[in-house]
Amino acid sequence: MAKININAKPFQNVDPSNLTGDQAEDAYNCYLNELGRTVSRFGLLAYITITSGVNPIDGMYWWDAKSYALTVDSGKSKTLDINGNVTNHTNALLETGERVTFAENASYVLMANGAKMSYTDGTTMTQVASAAPVTVSHVAFIDQYAICNKVGTGRFYFADFTGEPSTWVSTDFYTAESSPDNLIALTVLNNEIMLFGDENLEHWQSDSRGPFSRINSKIFQYGIIAKHSLVNTGQEVYWLSNKRRIIKSSGGVPTEISTPFDKTFGKITTVSDCTADYVIQEGQNFIIFNFKTENRTFMYNITTDSWSEISWWDKVTAQHRAWLGNSYLYCPDWNQHLVGSRKTGLIYKLDKTYYTDNTDNIYFQKTSGNDDQGTKKWKMCPKVIFTLRRGVGISGDLTTVPKLLVRYRDNGSKTWSNSREISLGKIGEYDSIIETYDWGQFKSRQWQAYTTAKVPIEIIDMEADIEVLE
């Protein structure tokens, strides 16, 4: 039996006609797990509406000291407890429609998203005193200090954050001076400040004489092109660079990781509104990059070093749109994963046991490369064997048989064959091996598996009888 590598990693830097059997053309709403199998992504279930209307959830933050979630929409912060109770904080002091960054001590959380900083004690919102910068996009905490950037300059400011973050001094700032570019974003990792400019990245550290000083051995020519593409996992930092490459910094050393999708990212018209989130699900670690204007969302699986595209399926136009999520939060004390909507004030629960996006079908698709089995001669394919996860069935439906649809195109053709239905089994039909027959002749073949079935999809293996014709 010949192996059909439907579980190959997607590679989009060449025309699909140049792909071999060792690469895949695309992967929609799925990813490669640690066993190298293609599995469907997590779904979304409506949890609670934080606010009515169309304003999205601009940020969420887990306040560990108080064991509840902070959410921000329409410029207001709110608290959400384990029972789904929402407390509205007085005053609307943040911007609307801009990603929020957070920094905390045990008693206060500091927030910013483009204008003046605000903070909350869990009951009210208070705007930071006028001595602080009035245009701030990023805040962070290091040692006893709150730090922030000043939009449009190379400066970052600092203030004591052992208590209420209300006292800032207009002269308490440093300038990232290794290159004369603006400071676009900042974060703290391993007790070092990472300052991102248009063209460069600088590392700074605490200094008893300072309180901060630049680490001259950690200046890199990796700028950032989208300020909220910056995401900090606690072990690594990821961002979209000024050269439209996805960069990972681990141990203070930047590395490009987006090679298989560089061509795709290079074609995106607007990248400045890209946002990123670190998502954990079933032992897998993901970075999700959402390009709002482009209406596309990409997912990097840290665990398996592989890429895919995730989407919301617009059934009216039959097109992929950006994923519904606008922000993500893991609540460790509740063991719940929350996703803030990009369309409304709705918060979803995220889980692998949800097989729709809040009742909307999830369109699973995996397309292989062009497989010629090592020869350009004509070949006959009398049998294909699929090994699949089966028998979960559709919840509450004992009669409907969910199906995986499979089609192909041969010898560089752009036209797909008719689709064939492969049973995913009714509830309890667990036999994972399905034999199918009469798959025709080809010199090279590209395979595609797709479905909107409301069941978990897992392609374990795919192999075929291949007879080379003389």
Protein backbone atom coordinates (compact mmCIF):
# COMPACT_ATOMS: atom_id res chain seq x y z
CA MET A 1 0.00 0.00 0.00
CA ALA A 2 1.23 3.52 -0.85
CA LYS A 3 0.90 6.31 1.66
CA ILE A 4 -1.11 9.38 0.67
CA ASN A 5 0.28 12.23 2.71
CA ILE A 6 -2.91 14.12 3.43
CA ASN A 7 -1.38 14.93 6.83
CA ALA A 8 1.53 16.93 5.41
CA LYS A 9 2.22 20.46 6.67
CA PRO A 10 0.82 23.28 4.47
CA PHE A 11 3.36 25.20 2.39
CA GLN A 12 2.12 28.33 0.59
CA ASN A 13 5.28 29.96 -0.73
CA VAL A 14 4.96 28.43 -4.20
CA ASP A 15 2.18 27.93 -6.72
CA PRO A 16 0.12 24.87 -5.72
CA SER A 17 1.12 23.14 -8.97
CA ASN A 18 4.70 22.98 -7.65
CA LEU A 19 3.80 21.19 -4.43
CA THR A 20 4.83 17.57 -4.03
CA GLY A 21 3.27 14.84 -1.96
CA ASP A 22 5.37 15.93 1.02
CA GLN A 23 3.56 19.29 1.29
CA ALA A 24 -0.06 20.33 1.63
CA GLU A 25 -1.71 23.24 -0.17
CA ASP A 26 -3.99 24.34 2.65
CA ALA A 27 -5.52 23.46 5.99
CA TYR A 28 -8.72 25.23 7.03
CA ASN A 29 -10.09 24.94 10.55
CA CYS A 30 -7.79 22.10 11.46
CA TYR A 31 -4.26 21.50 12.69
CA LEU A 32 -1.64 18.78 13.02
CA ASN A 33 -1.61 17.24 16.47
CA GLU A 34 1.44 15.80 18.21
CA LEU A 35 0.95 12.47 16.37
CA GLY A 36 0.98 14.21 13.00
CA ARG A 37 -2.73 13.68 12.36
CA THR A 38 -5.03 16.31 10.89
CA VAL A 39 -7.74 17.16 13.43
CA SER A 40 -10.54 19.69 13.45
CA ARG A 41 -10.12 22.80 15.57
CA PHE A 42 -11.96 23.86 18.70
CA GLY A 43 -15.45 25.33 18.48
CA LEU A 44 -17.31 28.14 20.23
CA LEU A 45 -20.38 28.13 22.46
CA ALA A 46 -22.19 31.29 23.54
CA TYR A 47 -21.53 31.94 27.24
CA ILE A 48 -22.59 35.45 28.25
CA THR A 49 -23.40 38.78 26.63
CA ILE A 50 -21.32 41.45 28.34
CA THR A 51 -22.87 44.32 26.44
CA SER A 52 -25.58 44.78 23.82
CA GLY A 53 -24.88 46.21 20.40
CA VAL A 54 -22.03 45.71 17.95
CA ASN A 55 -19.02 46.84 19.97
CA PRO A 56 -16.54 43.95 20.24
CA ILE A 57 -14.70 42.66 23.30
CA ASP A 58 -11.46 44.67 23.07
CA GLY A 59 -9.58 42.83 25.78
CA MET A 60 -9.77 40.26 28.56
CA TYR A 61 -7.44 39.66 31.48
CA TRP A 62 -7.25 37.11 34.27
CA TRP A 63 -6.78 38.86 37.64
CA ASP A 64 -5.13 36.11 39.59
CA ALA A 65 -5.12 37.93 42.94
CA LYS A 66 -8.91 38.24 42.83
CA SER A 67 -9.71 35.08 40.88
CA TYR A 68 -11.91 36.74 38.29
CA ALA A 69 -11.80 37.96 34.72
CA LEU A 70 -11.60 41.55 33.55
CA THR A 71 -13.22 42.42 30.24
CA VAL A 72 -13.21 45.67 28.26
CA ASP A 73 -15.77 46.83 25.71
CA SER A 74 -17.05 50.24 24.67
CA GLY A 75 -14.25 51.84 26.71
CA LYS A 76 -15.50 50.27 29.97
CA SER A 77 -13.95 47.61 32.15
CA LYS A 78 -16.06 44.96 33.86
CA THR A 79 -15.46 41.97 36.12
CA LEU A 80 -16.80 38.50 35.42
CA ASP A 81 -16.90 35.83 38.13
CA ILE A 82 -17.10 32.04 37.95
CA ASN A 83 -20.92 32.14 38.14
CA GLY A 84 -21.22 34.46 35.14
CA ASN A 85 -22.02 37.53 37.22
CA VAL A 86 -20.91 40.79 35.57
CA THR A 87 -19.99 43.93 37.50
CA ASN A 88 -19.84 47.16 35.51
CA HIS A 89 -17.13 49.56 36.64
CA THR A 90 -18.13 53.20 36.70
CA ASN A 91 -16.79 55.49 33.94
CA ALA A 92 -15.87 54.74 30.33
CA LEU A 93 -12.30 55.95 30.00
CA LEU A 94 -10.68 53.77 27.33
CA GLU A 95 -10.98 53.83 23.56
CA THR A 96 -13.52 51.71 21.69
CA GLY A 97 -12.44 49.20 19.08
CA GLU A 98 -8.76 49.10 20.10
CA ARG A 99 -6.95 46.16 21.69
CA VAL A 100 -6.31 46.67 25.42
CA THR A 101 -3.05 45.86 27.23
CA PHE A 102 -2.92 45.17 30.96
CA ALA A 103 -0.50 45.26 33.91
CA GLU A 104 -1.31 44.42 37.53
CA ASN A 105 -0.25 44.37 41.12
CA ALA A 106 -2.35 42.63 43.76
CA SER A 107 -4.75 45.58 44.19
CA TYR A 108 -4.98 47.33 40.82
CA VAL A 109 -4.96 46.59 37.12
CA LEU A 110 -3.57 49.22 34.76
CA MET A 111 -4.97 49.38 31.21
CA ALA A 112 -4.23 51.22 27.95
CA ASN A 113 -5.38 51.09 24.35
CA GLY A 114 -4.20 54.23 22.58
CA ALA A 115 -5.18 57.21 24.72
CA LYS A 116 -4.79 57.92 28.45
CA MET A 117 -4.16 55.01 30.81
CA SER A 118 -6.82 53.96 33.29
CA TYR A 119 -6.82 51.58 36.22
CA THR A 120 -9.36 49.71 38.27
CA ASP A 121 -9.63 48.24 41.75
CA GLY A 122 -12.40 45.95 40.56
CA THR A 123 -15.16 48.46 41.27
CA THR A 124 -14.39 51.74 39.53
CA MET A 125 -12.21 52.96 36.67
CA THR A 126 -9.86 55.88 37.30
CA GLN A 127 -7.86 57.77 34.73
CA VAL A 128 -4.14 58.15 35.41
CA ALA A 129 -2.98 61.66 36.37
CA SER A 130 -2.10 64.15 33.64
CA ALA A 131 1.66 63.92 34.27
CA ALA A 132 1.60 60.52 32.55
CA PRO A 133 1.68 60.23 28.76
CA VAL A 134 -1.70 60.89 27.17
CA THR A 135 -1.29 58.42 24.27
CA VAL A 136 -0.33 54.94 25.46
CA SER A 137 -0.86 51.61 23.69
CA HIS A 138 1.16 49.25 25.90
CA VAL A 139 1.66 48.82 29.63
CA ALA A 140 3.65 46.24 31.60
CA PHE A 141 4.97 45.51 35.08
CA ILE A 142 8.57 44.86 36.12
CA ASP A 143 9.90 44.68 39.67
CA GLN A 144 7.98 47.45 41.48
CA TYR A 145 7.33 49.59 38.41
CA ALA A 146 4.61 50.12 35.85
CA ILE A 147 6.02 51.00 32.44
CA CYS A 148 4.35 52.32 29.30
CA ASN A 149 5.21 53.67 25.88
CA LYS A 150 4.32 57.14 24.59
CA VAL A 151 2.79 56.75 21.13
CA GLY A 152 4.69 58.61 18.40
CA THR A 153 7.98 58.80 20.33
CA GLY A 154 10.84 56.51 21.30
CA ARG A 155 10.15 56.96 25.01
CA PHE A 156 8.98 54.59 27.70
CA TYR A 157 7.85 55.95 31.07
CA PHE A 158 7.94 54.35 34.49
CA ALA A 159 6.16 54.86 37.82
CA ASP A 160 5.98 53.18 41.20
CA PHE A 161 3.39 50.39 41.12
CA THR A 162 3.51 49.07 44.65
CA GLY A 163 0.16 50.70 45.28
CA GLU A 164 -2.31 52.81 43.32
CA PRO A 165 -0.69 53.73 39.96
CA SER A 166 -1.79 57.37 40.13
CA THR A 167 1.54 59.15 40.52
CA TRP A 168 3.60 59.62 37.38
CA VAL A 169 6.40 62.13 36.84
CA SER A 170 6.73 63.69 33.40
CA THR A 171 10.54 63.41 33.47
CA ASP A 172 10.64 59.74 34.48
CA PHE A 173 11.30 58.19 31.10
CA TYR A 174 13.98 56.59 28.96
CA THR A 175 14.44 56.66 25.21
CA ALA A 176 15.18 53.61 23.09
CA GLU A 177 18.07 55.17 21.22
CA SER A 178 19.83 52.38 19.33
CA SER A 179 17.86 53.54 16.28
CA PRO A 180 15.83 56.74 15.78
CA ASP A 181 12.49 54.97 15.34
CA ASN A 182 9.29 55.21 17.33
CA LEU A 183 8.54 52.82 20.17
CA ILE A 184 5.56 50.83 18.90
CA ALA A 185 5.10 48.16 21.57
CA LEU A 186 6.67 46.75 24.72
CA THR A 187 6.46 43.72 26.98
CA VAL A 188 8.40 42.07 29.82
CA LEU A 189 9.83 38.55 29.63
CA ASN A 190 12.31 36.89 32.00
CA ASN A 191 12.60 40.17 33.90
CA GLU A 192 13.77 42.04 30.82
CA ILE A 193 11.91 44.83 29.04
CA MET A 194 11.53 44.25 25.30
CA LEU A 195 11.10 47.52 23.37
CA PHE A 196 9.83 47.21 19.80
CA GLY A 197 10.39 50.00 17.30
CA ASP A 198 9.61 50.27 13.62
CA GLU A 199 13.01 48.80 12.72
CA ASN A 200 14.63 47.47 15.88
CA LEU A 201 14.19 45.54 19.11
CA GLU A 202 16.02 46.51 22.30
CA HIS A 203 16.26 44.66 25.61
CA TRP A 204 16.50 46.61 28.88
CA GLN A 205 16.97 45.41 32.44
CA SER A 206 16.58 46.65 35.99
CA ASP A 207 19.54 48.70 37.20
CA SER A 208 19.96 49.90 40.78
CA ARG A 209 21.46 53.14 39.46
CA GLY A 210 18.73 53.72 36.89
CA PRO A 211 16.28 52.08 37.54
CA PHE A 212 16.75 50.64 34.00
CA SER A 213 19.56 50.29 31.48
CA ARG A 214 19.86 48.95 27.96
CA ILE A 215 21.48 45.54 27.35
CA ASN A 216 23.84 46.44 24.53
CA SER A 217 24.32 42.79 23.52
CA LYS A 218 20.59 42.42 22.89
CA ILE A 219 19.80 44.89 20.13
CA PHE A 220 18.27 43.27 17.05
CA GLN A 221 17.09 44.48 13.63
CA TYR A 222 13.63 43.02 14.01
CA GLY A 223 11.02 45.77 14.21
CA ILE A 224 7.27 45.36 14.53
CA ILE A 225 4.73 46.37 11.88
CA ALA A 226 1.51 45.75 13.86
CA LYS A 227 1.60 46.85 17.48
CA HIS A 228 -0.90 44.28 18.72
CA SER A 229 0.62 41.38 16.84
CA LEU A 230 2.87 41.15 19.90
CA VAL A 231 1.98 38.21 22.15
CA ASN A 232 3.80 37.02 25.27
CA THR A 233 3.32 33.36 26.28
CA GLY A 234 5.37 33.66 29.45
CA GLN A 235 8.15 31.59 27.88
CA GLU A 236 8.43 33.20 24.43
CA VAL A 237 7.37 36.32 22.56
CA TYR A 238 5.90 36.37 19.03
CA TRP A 239 5.21 39.27 16.65
CA LEU A 240 4.79 40.30 13.00
CA SER A 241 7.99 42.03 11.97
CA ASN A 242 8.54 45.04 9.74
CA LYS A 243 9.53 42.55 7.00
CA ARG A 244 6.20 40.71 7.34
CA ARG A 245 7.77 37.70 8.99
CA ILE A 246 6.43 36.06 12.14
CA ILE A 247 9.24 36.22 14.70
CA LYS A 248 9.71 34.18 17.87
CA SER A 249 12.06 35.32 20.61
CA SER A 250 13.10 32.54 22.96
CA GLY A 251 15.93 33.11 25.39
CA GLY A 252 16.33 36.63 24.01
CA VAL A 253 17.21 35.44 20.47
CA PRO A 254 14.75 36.27 17.63
CA THR A 255 14.01 33.59 15.01
CA GLU A 256 11.75 33.66 11.94
CA ILE A 257 9.05 30.98 12.06
CA SER A 258 6.61 31.93 9.27
CA THR A 259 8.55 30.50 6.33
CA PRO A 260 5.71 28.28 4.98
CA PHE A 261 3.29 31.24 4.86
CA ASP A 262 5.60 34.17 4.03
CA LYS A 263 4.16 34.55 0.52
CA THR A 264 0.63 34.59 1.93
CA PHE A 265 1.48 37.25 4.51
CA GLY A 266 3.28 39.27 1.85
CA LYS A 267 0.10 39.52 -0.24
CA ILE A 268 -2.06 40.88 2.59
CA THR A 269 -3.00 44.48 1.82
CA THR A 270 -3.32 45.82 5.38
CA VAL A 271 -1.22 44.29 8.17
CA SER A 272 -1.10 47.13 10.70
CA ASP A 273 -4.33 45.93 12.36
CA CYS A 274 -3.08 42.40 12.96
CA THR A 275 -3.75 41.17 16.51
CA ALA A 276 -2.43 38.03 18.16
CA ASP A 277 -3.51 35.75 21.01
CA TYR A 278 -1.90 32.82 22.80
CA VAL A 279 -4.41 29.95 23.01
CA ILE A 280 -4.09 26.70 24.95
CA GLN A 281 -6.28 23.74 24.10
CA GLU A 282 -5.95 20.03 24.91
CA GLY A 283 -2.19 20.11 25.43
CA GLN A 284 -1.58 22.09 22.25
CA ASN A 285 -0.25 25.65 22.26
CA PHE A 286 -1.31 28.04 19.50
CA ILE A 287 -0.69 31.60 18.39
CA ILE A 288 -3.64 33.05 16.48
CA PHE A 289 -2.98 36.00 14.15
CA ASN A 290 -6.08 37.91 13.06
CA PHE A 291 -5.86 40.35 10.13
CA LYS A 292 -9.01 42.43 10.55
CA THR A 293 -9.12 44.40 7.29
CA GLU A 294 -8.10 41.35 5.27
CA ASN A 295 -10.78 39.30 7.08
CA ARG A 296 -8.43 36.34 7.55
CA THR A 297 -7.07 34.47 10.58
CA PHE A 298 -4.01 32.24 10.75
CA MET A 299 -3.01 29.79 13.46
CA TYR A 300 0.48 28.63 14.38
CA ASN A 301 0.74 25.42 16.39
CA ILE A 302 3.77 25.88 18.64
CA THR A 303 3.67 22.23 19.68
CA THR A 304 4.02 20.80 16.16
CA ASP A 305 5.56 23.83 14.39
CA SER A 306 2.80 23.91 11.78
CA TRP A 307 0.43 26.47 10.25
CA SER A 308 -3.21 26.53 9.23
CA GLU A 309 -5.97 29.04 8.55
CA ILE A 310 -9.05 29.25 10.74
CA SER A 311 -12.26 30.97 9.75
CA TRP A 312 -15.91 31.59 10.31
CA TRP A 313 -17.88 30.06 7.45
CA ASP A 314 -20.21 32.64 5.88
CA LYS A 315 -22.98 30.39 4.60
CA VAL A 316 -24.67 33.26 2.73
CA THR A 317 -21.68 33.91 0.47
CA ALA A 318 -20.10 30.44 0.91
CA GLN A 319 -16.79 32.06 1.82
CA HIS A 320 -14.24 31.91 4.61
CA ARG A 321 -14.20 35.01 6.84
CA ALA A 322 -12.02 35.90 9.82
CA TRP A 323 -12.50 33.76 12.91
CA LEU A 324 -15.13 35.11 15.31
CA GLY A 325 -12.64 35.67 18.14
CA ASN A 326 -11.26 39.10 18.97
CA SER A 327 -9.59 38.23 22.29
CA TYR A 328 -8.86 35.12 24.34
CA LEU A 329 -8.53 34.36 28.04
CA TYR A 330 -7.76 31.24 30.02
CA CYS A 331 -9.26 31.29 33.51
CA PRO A 332 -7.13 28.79 35.48
CA ASP A 333 -9.23 28.75 38.66
CA TRP A 334 -12.31 27.90 36.59
CA ASN A 335 -10.49 25.81 33.97
CA GLN A 336 -12.42 27.67 31.28
CA HIS A 337 -11.27 29.14 27.98
CA LEU A 338 -13.11 32.32 26.96
CA VAL A 339 -13.18 34.11 23.62
CA GLY A 340 -14.45 37.65 23.14
CA SER A 341 -16.39 38.22 19.93
CA ARG A 342 -15.12 40.49 17.16
CA LYS A 343 -18.70 41.29 16.14
CA THR A 344 -20.66 41.89 19.36
CA GLY A 345 -20.35 42.03 23.14
CA LEU A 346 -20.71 38.25 23.36
CA ILE A 347 -18.22 36.02 25.17
CA TYR A 348 -17.92 32.41 24.04
CA LYS A 349 -16.58 29.34 25.72
CA LEU A 350 -13.95 27.59 23.63
CA ASP A 351 -13.51 23.83 23.67
CA LYS A 352 -12.65 20.86 21.45
CA THR A 353 -15.98 19.27 22.38
CA TYR A 354 -17.88 22.08 20.60
CA TYR A 355 -18.26 21.23 16.92
CA THR A 356 -19.78 24.49 15.70
CA ASP A 357 -19.12 28.21 16.08
CA ASN A 358 -22.16 29.01 18.19
CA THR A 359 -24.39 26.82 15.95
CA ASP A 360 -22.70 27.98 12.72
CA ASN A 361 -21.04 25.17 10.80
CA ILE A 362 -17.25 24.95 10.86
CA TYR A 363 -15.87 24.28 7.37
CA PHE A 364 -13.04 21.74 7.66
CA GLN A 365 -10.76 21.42 4.63
CA LYS A 366 -7.37 19.83 4.00
CA THR A 367 -5.77 19.82 0.53
CA SER A 368 -2.70 17.75 -0.24
CA GLY A 369 0.14 18.48 -2.63
CA ASN A 370 0.56 16.76 -6.00
CA ASP A 371 1.46 13.13 -5.38
CA ASP A 372 3.07 11.13 -8.21
CA GLN A 373 4.43 8.30 -6.02
CA GLY A 374 7.90 8.90 -7.41
CA THR A 375 7.14 8.37 -11.09
CA LYS A 376 5.50 10.36 -13.89
CA LYS A 377 4.00 7.24 -15.46
CA TRP A 378 0.29 6.56 -15.56
CA LYS A 379 -1.01 4.82 -12.47
CA MET A 380 -4.22 3.05 -11.53
CA CYS A 381 -5.77 3.41 -8.07
CA PRO A 382 -8.23 0.55 -7.46
CA LYS A 383 -8.51 1.06 -3.68
CA VAL A 384 -8.08 3.79 -1.04
CA ILE A 385 -8.18 3.02 2.68
CA PHE A 386 -9.12 5.78 5.11
CA THR A 387 -8.34 5.52 8.81
CA LEU A 388 -10.54 8.06 10.59
CA ARG A 389 -12.01 8.87 13.95
CA ARG A 390 -15.58 7.57 13.72
CA GLY A 391 -18.59 6.85 15.87
CA VAL A 392 -18.99 10.11 17.78
CA GLY A 393 -22.04 10.94 15.71
CA ILE A 394 -24.18 14.04 15.87
CA SER A 395 -25.36 14.83 19.38
CA GLY A 396 -29.00 13.88 19.87
CA ASP A 397 -29.29 12.40 16.37
CA LEU A 398 -29.14 8.59 16.15
CA THR A 399 -30.02 8.33 12.47
CA THR A 400 -27.98 10.92 10.52
CA VAL A 401 -24.63 9.68 9.27
CA PRO A 402 -22.03 12.49 9.20
CA LYS A 403 -19.75 12.34 6.19
CA LEU A 404 -16.30 13.41 5.08
CA LEU A 405 -16.27 14.46 1.42
CA VAL A 406 -13.24 13.58 -0.69
CA ARG A 407 -12.37 14.69 -4.20
CA TYR A 408 -9.27 14.96 -6.39
CA ARG A 409 -7.78 16.64 -9.42
CA ASP A 410 -5.16 15.11 -11.66
CA ASN A 411 -2.05 16.05 -13.62
CA GLY A 412 -2.14 19.76 -12.80
CA SER A 413 -5.81 20.26 -13.67
CA LYS A 414 -7.69 23.05 -11.90
CA THR A 415 -10.97 21.12 -12.02
CA TRP A 416 -12.00 18.90 -9.14
CA SER A 417 -13.68 15.54 -9.55
CA ASN A 418 -17.09 14.87 -8.11
CA SER A 419 -16.95 14.36 -4.36
CA ARG A 420 -17.29 10.95 -2.75
CA GLU A 421 -18.83 10.48 0.68
CA ILE A 422 -16.87 8.71 3.40
CA SER A 423 -18.93 7.76 6.42
CA LEU A 424 -17.84 9.16 9.79
CA GLY A 425 -20.26 6.82 11.52
CA LYS A 426 -23.40 7.21 13.52
CA ILE A 427 -23.14 7.25 17.31
CA GLY A 428 -21.41 4.04 18.35
CA GLU A 429 -20.06 3.03 14.92
CA TYR A 430 -16.42 3.11 15.98
CA ASP A 431 -14.73 1.03 13.25
CA SER A 432 -12.01 3.42 12.10
CA ILE A 433 -10.98 1.75 8.81
CA ILE A 434 -12.98 2.41 5.67
CA GLU A 435 -12.09 0.75 2.34
CA THR A 436 -13.18 2.44 -0.88
CA TYR A 437 -12.73 1.35 -4.48
CA ASP A 438 -12.32 2.48 -8.11
CA TRP A 439 -10.39 5.76 -7.90
CA GLY A 440 -9.38 5.91 -11.54
CA GLN A 441 -6.06 6.67 -13.26
CA PHE A 442 -3.57 9.53 -12.96
CA LYS A 443 0.03 10.58 -13.36
CA SER A 444 -0.07 12.90 -10.34
CA ARG A 445 -2.99 13.54 -8.04
CA GLN A 446 -4.02 16.18 -5.53
CA TRP A 447 -6.52 15.14 -2.84
CA GLN A 448 -8.95 17.24 -0.85
CA ALA A 449 -11.00 16.25 2.19
CA TYR A 450 -13.70 18.61 3.46
CA THR A 451 -16.89 18.69 5.52
CA THR A 452 -19.19 20.83 7.64
CA ALA A 453 -20.34 17.85 9.70
CA LYS A 454 -20.95 18.69 13.35
CA VAL A 455 -18.59 16.03 14.65
CA PRO A 456 -14.87 15.91 15.50
CA ILE A 457 -12.69 15.21 12.46
CA GLU A 458 -9.45 13.28 12.73
CA ILE A 459 -7.65 11.93 9.65
CA ILE A 460 -5.39 9.28 11.10
CA ASP A 461 -4.08 7.83 7.85
CA MET A 462 -4.80 7.50 4.15
CA GLU A 463 -3.24 4.88 1.90
CA ALA A 464 -3.91 3.41 -1.51
CA ASP A 465 -3.26 0.51 -3.85
CA ILE A 466 -1.24 2.06 -6.67
CA GLU A 467 -0.48 0.10 -9.85
CA VAL A 468 2.05 1.67 -12.21
CA LEU A 469 0.97 1.14 -15.81
CA GLU A 470 3.57 0.32 -18.48
